[in-house]
Amino acid sequence: MKRYLRELFAEAAAEELRLPRWLVHLYLRWGEPPLGKAIRLDLLRAVLRGYSVRGERWLDLGCGIGDLTLRLAACGAKAVGVERDVGRVARAEAVAARAGLRNARFLAADVCRLTELKLGSFDGVCCLAVLEHIADDLALLRQIAAVLRPGGLLVLQVPSARRKVLAAAEREDGHVRPGYAVPEVYALLETSGFRVVRTDSRDPLNLIYYWSLSAWLLAGVLADCRLRGPCFAILGPLFLPLIRFSSRCIRRTGSELAFLAVRC
């Protein structure tokens, strides 16, 4: 992993999880960022295989700590990350400046007011783990279509409605719906002006559920709910290889879905 990404994750963990920076650096030297990052990046690479972002303008909606925006910039894209959390935006900007990634820009704003931001036109948009948080998902997809050039790409990642979930974890994550069925996503995309050209999924055995459950139980044994994140990370080297292996061997829809769509 690039040094600037390790710095970003270490600073985020220090501020948000109260973990020592050196410990996160050590973890990332032999491990990977858990669940959200690793599995979503796998899906992103799968649906974008054969495409290059170099020289293009890409938008990363709900960019979180900003790691994907920085990865896009490192690949040669002019990348813009939009995130509501002002602290995360400031941290990502500082890391980008130290890494010399001048083609990465971050903006603290509400993704649901995308067209009001006057960001111009984009060649591609990444919308990973965002739509399940949005009450009016169709309105957001229509706004995404409005900022994409004709023929522009949308990478959309959402959880499956068929996955097993921990109700408490869903509430904590701020999901307004448990997930989507594949035909439902096709319908939403077509209604908002997109044509799906590629799909993929991961985790056919719902191992992410058991990973989350194990982390919650372990934190409960330790009697500290703040340890859920660290427990989740500790269990990553066990569950991530299992998820990847089962995803290669079992050809059925998994708990995480990804779609590559073209703006008509």
Protein backbone atom coordinates (compact mmCIF):
# COMPACT_ATOMS: atom_id res chain seq x y z
CA MET A 1 0.00 0.00 0.00
CA LYS A 2 1.27 3.49 -0.88
CA ARG A 3 2.64 5.49 2.02
CA TYR A 4 0.11 8.30 1.63
CA LEU A 5 -2.75 5.79 1.95
CA ARG A 6 -1.22 4.32 5.10
CA GLU A 7 -0.93 7.85 6.48
CA LEU A 8 -4.56 8.55 5.62
CA PHE A 9 -5.86 5.38 7.29
CA ALA A 10 -3.59 5.89 10.30
CA GLU A 11 -4.76 9.46 10.85
CA ALA A 12 -8.40 8.47 10.41
CA ALA A 13 -8.05 5.59 12.89
CA ALA A 14 -6.28 7.83 15.39
CA GLU A 15 -9.04 10.44 15.27
CA GLU A 16 -12.14 8.30 14.77
CA LEU A 17 -11.21 5.04 16.56
CA ARG A 18 -8.59 6.42 18.95
CA LEU A 19 -6.00 3.90 17.81
CA PRO A 20 -2.24 4.61 17.85
CA ARG A 21 -0.95 5.63 14.42
CA TRP A 22 2.02 3.26 14.65
CA LEU A 23 -0.34 0.33 15.23
CA VAL A 24 -2.38 1.12 12.11
CA HIS A 25 0.80 1.53 10.04
CA LEU A 26 2.00 -1.85 11.29
CA TYR A 27 -1.36 -3.49 10.46
CA LEU A 28 -1.42 -2.05 6.94
CA ARG A 29 2.10 -3.26 6.18
CA TRP A 30 0.82 -6.86 6.09
CA GLY A 31 -2.94 -6.51 6.07
CA GLU A 32 -5.61 -4.52 4.24
CA PRO A 33 -8.27 -2.03 5.25
CA PRO A 34 -11.18 -4.24 6.36
CA LEU A 35 -14.50 -4.98 4.69
CA GLY A 36 -15.75 -1.75 3.19
CA LYS A 37 -12.50 -0.78 1.57
CA ALA A 38 -11.10 -4.14 0.46
CA ILE A 39 -14.29 -5.72 -0.91
CA ARG A 40 -15.50 -2.52 -2.55
CA LEU A 41 -12.13 -2.01 -4.23
CA ASP A 42 -12.28 -5.60 -5.50
CA LEU A 43 -15.67 -4.85 -7.05
CA LEU A 44 -14.49 -1.52 -8.47
CA ARG A 45 -11.53 -3.18 -10.19
CA ALA A 46 -13.75 -5.97 -11.52
CA VAL A 47 -16.35 -3.74 -13.17
CA LEU A 48 -13.76 -1.23 -14.47
CA ARG A 49 -11.42 -3.84 -15.95
CA GLY A 50 -10.18 -2.68 -19.33
CA TYR A 51 -10.99 0.99 -18.62
CA SER A 52 -8.46 3.74 -17.90
CA VAL A 53 -9.24 6.89 -15.90
CA ARG A 54 -6.05 8.71 -16.94
CA GLY A 55 -6.77 12.24 -18.12
CA GLU A 56 -10.46 12.02 -17.20
CA ARG A 57 -12.53 13.87 -14.60
CA TRP A 58 -13.94 11.56 -11.95
CA LEU A 59 -16.27 12.25 -9.04
CA ASP A 60 -16.20 10.19 -5.84
CA LEU A 61 -19.56 10.66 -4.10
CA GLY A 62 -19.65 10.12 -0.36
CA CYS A 63 -15.89 9.68 -0.44
CA GLY A 64 -15.53 9.06 3.31
CA ILE A 65 -11.90 9.47 4.37
CA GLY A 66 -10.96 10.05 0.71
CA ASP A 67 -8.84 7.00 -0.09
CA LEU A 68 -10.60 6.16 -3.37
CA THR A 69 -10.35 9.78 -4.54
CA LEU A 70 -6.61 9.66 -3.91
CA ARG A 71 -6.31 6.32 -5.75
CA LEU A 72 -8.12 7.80 -8.76
CA ALA A 73 -5.81 10.82 -8.71
CA ALA A 74 -2.75 8.56 -8.48
CA CYS A 75 -4.01 6.75 -11.61
CA GLY A 76 -4.00 10.04 -13.52
CA ALA A 77 -7.59 11.22 -13.12
CA LYS A 78 -8.66 14.70 -12.07
CA ALA A 79 -10.58 13.48 -9.04
CA VAL A 80 -13.13 15.29 -6.88
CA GLY A 81 -14.31 13.77 -3.59
CA VAL A 82 -17.54 14.96 -1.96
CA GLU A 83 -18.10 14.20 1.73
CA ARG A 84 -20.31 15.81 4.41
CA ASP A 85 -17.76 15.43 7.22
CA VAL A 86 -15.63 18.59 7.27
CA GLY A 87 -12.93 16.93 9.37
CA ARG A 88 -12.51 14.07 6.90
CA VAL A 89 -12.28 16.52 4.02
CA ALA A 90 -9.60 18.58 5.76
CA ARG A 91 -7.59 15.46 6.58
CA ALA A 92 -7.81 14.12 3.00
CA GLU A 93 -6.75 17.49 1.59
CA ALA A 94 -3.70 17.56 3.88
CA VAL A 95 -2.65 14.02 2.90
CA ALA A 96 -3.14 14.81 -0.81
CA ALA A 97 -0.97 17.93 -0.48
CA ARG A 98 1.82 16.01 1.28
CA ALA A 99 1.68 13.29 -1.41
CA GLY A 100 1.84 15.85 -4.22
CA LEU A 101 -1.51 14.73 -5.65
CA ARG A 102 -2.57 18.15 -6.93
CA ASN A 103 -5.19 16.57 -9.18
CA ALA A 104 -7.23 15.48 -6.12
CA ARG A 105 -9.79 17.93 -4.77
CA PHE A 106 -12.14 17.53 -1.83
CA LEU A 107 -15.39 19.30 -1.03
CA ALA A 108 -17.46 19.25 2.17
CA ALA A 109 -21.04 19.08 0.92
CA ASP A 110 -24.26 17.06 0.86
CA VAL A 111 -24.30 14.59 -2.05
CA CYS A 112 -28.07 15.02 -2.26
CA ARG A 113 -27.49 18.62 -3.45
CA LEU A 114 -25.02 17.58 -6.11
CA THR A 115 -26.33 19.68 -8.99
CA GLU A 116 -26.25 22.80 -6.80
CA LEU A 117 -22.48 22.46 -6.36
CA LYS A 118 -21.75 23.53 -9.97
CA LEU A 119 -18.85 21.10 -10.35
CA GLY A 120 -19.08 20.85 -14.11
CA SER A 121 -19.20 17.71 -16.21
CA PHE A 122 -17.48 14.41 -15.39
CA ASP A 123 -16.31 11.40 -17.36
CA GLY A 124 -17.03 9.04 -14.48
CA VAL A 125 -18.68 8.87 -11.07
CA CYS A 126 -18.05 6.41 -8.24
CA CYS A 127 -20.96 5.94 -5.85
CA LEU A 128 -19.87 3.21 -3.44
CA ALA A 129 -21.89 2.33 -0.32
CA VAL A 130 -23.91 5.54 -0.56
CA LEU A 131 -27.30 4.79 -2.13
CA GLU A 132 -28.53 2.68 0.81
CA HIS A 133 -28.18 5.80 3.00
CA ILE A 134 -30.30 8.02 0.74
CA ALA A 135 -34.08 8.24 1.17
CA ASP A 136 -34.73 9.48 -2.39
CA ASP A 137 -32.26 7.27 -4.23
CA LEU A 138 -33.82 7.91 -7.65
CA ALA A 139 -33.36 11.67 -7.23
CA LEU A 140 -29.67 11.19 -6.46
CA LEU A 141 -29.17 8.95 -9.51
CA ARG A 142 -30.83 11.59 -11.69
CA GLN A 143 -28.45 14.21 -10.30
CA ILE A 144 -25.52 11.93 -11.07
CA ALA A 145 -26.78 11.58 -14.64
CA ALA A 146 -26.98 15.38 -14.87
CA VAL A 147 -23.27 15.83 -14.05
CA LEU A 148 -22.06 12.99 -16.31
CA ARG A 149 -21.28 13.61 -19.95
CA PRO A 150 -23.18 11.43 -22.46
CA GLY A 151 -21.36 8.10 -22.51
CA GLY A 152 -19.88 8.76 -19.08
CA LEU A 153 -19.50 5.91 -16.59
CA LEU A 154 -21.16 5.30 -13.24
CA VAL A 155 -19.72 2.72 -10.85
CA LEU A 156 -22.44 1.92 -8.35
CA GLN A 157 -21.93 -0.39 -5.37
CA VAL A 158 -24.75 -1.37 -3.00
CA PRO A 159 -25.53 -4.16 -0.54
CA SER A 160 -27.88 -6.95 -1.57
CA ALA A 161 -31.35 -6.99 -0.07
CA ARG A 162 -30.93 -10.77 0.37
CA ARG A 163 -27.97 -10.50 2.72
CA LYS A 164 -28.15 -11.29 6.42
CA VAL A 165 -27.75 -8.23 8.63
CA LEU A 166 -27.31 -7.21 12.24
CA ALA A 167 -30.18 -4.82 12.92
CA ALA A 168 -28.15 -2.82 15.45
CA ALA A 169 -25.25 -2.48 13.02
CA GLU A 170 -27.60 -1.30 10.27
CA ARG A 171 -28.99 1.42 12.54
CA GLU A 172 -25.49 2.44 13.55
CA ASP A 173 -24.43 2.67 9.91
CA GLY A 174 -27.39 4.92 9.08
CA HIS A 175 -28.92 2.71 6.38
CA VAL A 176 -32.43 3.70 5.32
CA ARG A 177 -32.93 0.35 3.54
CA PRO A 178 -31.22 -3.03 4.00
CA GLY A 179 -30.15 -3.28 0.36
CA TYR A 180 -31.28 -3.81 -3.22
CA ALA A 181 -32.33 -6.63 -5.51
CA VAL A 182 -30.51 -6.75 -8.85
CA PRO A 183 -33.67 -6.12 -10.96
CA GLU A 184 -34.48 -3.15 -8.69
CA VAL A 185 -31.08 -1.55 -9.42
CA TYR A 186 -31.52 -2.12 -13.16
CA ALA A 187 -34.90 -0.38 -13.02
CA LEU A 188 -33.54 2.57 -11.01
CA LEU A 189 -30.63 3.05 -13.39
CA GLU A 190 -32.73 2.79 -16.52
CA THR A 191 -35.28 5.24 -15.12
CA SER A 192 -32.54 7.76 -14.33
CA GLY A 193 -30.97 7.60 -17.79
CA PHE A 194 -28.37 4.82 -17.57
CA ARG A 195 -27.69 1.55 -19.35
CA VAL A 196 -26.03 -1.22 -17.35
CA VAL A 197 -23.03 -2.73 -19.18
CA ARG A 198 -21.42 -4.87 -16.47
CA THR A 199 -22.30 -6.34 -13.07
CA ASP A 200 -20.42 -8.22 -10.39
CA SER A 201 -20.91 -9.34 -6.79
CA ARG A 202 -18.96 -10.68 -3.84
CA ASP A 203 -19.58 -12.81 -0.75
CA PRO A 204 -22.04 -15.55 -1.89
CA LEU A 205 -21.94 -17.19 1.56
CA ASN A 206 -22.81 -14.02 3.52
CA LEU A 207 -19.52 -14.26 5.39
CA ILE A 208 -19.57 -10.49 5.95
CA TYR A 209 -22.49 -11.06 8.33
CA TYR A 210 -20.52 -13.58 10.37
CA TRP A 211 -17.49 -11.28 10.31
CA SER A 212 -19.59 -8.43 11.71
CA LEU A 213 -21.26 -10.70 14.26
CA SER A 214 -17.90 -12.01 15.45
CA ALA A 215 -16.56 -8.48 15.88
CA TRP A 216 -19.64 -7.40 17.85
CA LEU A 217 -19.46 -10.48 20.08
CA LEU A 218 -15.74 -10.00 20.69
CA ALA A 219 -16.25 -6.34 21.60
CA GLY A 220 -19.06 -7.46 23.93
CA VAL A 221 -16.76 -9.93 25.66
CA LEU A 222 -14.26 -7.09 26.12
CA ALA A 223 -17.14 -4.91 27.44
CA ASP A 224 -16.29 -1.94 25.21
CA CYS A 225 -18.42 -1.11 22.15
CA ARG A 226 -15.66 1.26 20.94
CA LEU A 227 -13.61 -1.83 20.14
CA ARG A 228 -15.98 -3.04 17.40
CA GLY A 229 -13.92 -1.35 14.69
CA PRO A 230 -10.57 -2.67 15.94
CA CYS A 231 -12.08 -6.16 16.45
CA PHE A 232 -13.40 -6.03 12.90
CA ALA A 233 -9.92 -5.16 11.62
CA ILE A 234 -8.27 -7.91 13.67
CA LEU A 235 -10.59 -10.50 12.10
CA GLY A 236 -9.96 -9.18 8.56
CA PRO A 237 -7.03 -11.47 7.71
CA LEU A 238 -9.29 -14.45 8.51
CA PHE A 239 -12.46 -13.41 6.71
CA LEU A 240 -11.13 -11.51 3.65
CA PRO A 241 -9.39 -14.55 2.07
CA LEU A 242 -12.50 -16.67 2.72
CA ILE A 243 -14.75 -14.09 1.06
CA ARG A 244 -12.45 -13.81 -1.95
CA PHE A 245 -12.09 -17.58 -2.31
CA SER A 246 -15.84 -18.24 -2.05
CA SER A 247 -16.56 -15.40 -4.49
CA ARG A 248 -14.31 -17.04 -7.10
CA CYS A 249 -15.64 -20.55 -6.57
CA ILE A 250 -19.38 -19.99 -6.10
CA ARG A 251 -21.13 -18.33 -9.01
CA ARG A 252 -24.20 -16.84 -7.40
CA THR A 253 -25.18 -13.36 -6.30
CA GLY A 254 -23.43 -12.32 -3.11
CA SER A 255 -24.13 -9.86 -0.33
CA GLU A 256 -22.30 -6.99 -2.11
CA LEU A 257 -23.30 -5.85 -5.60
CA ALA A 258 -21.60 -3.63 -8.17
CA PHE A 259 -22.80 -2.18 -11.47
CA LEU A 260 -21.05 -0.35 -14.29
CA ALA A 261 -23.52 1.81 -16.18
CA VAL A 262 -23.23 4.22 -19.11
CA ARG A 263 -25.10 7.51 -19.18
CA CYS A 264 -27.35 7.40 -22.24
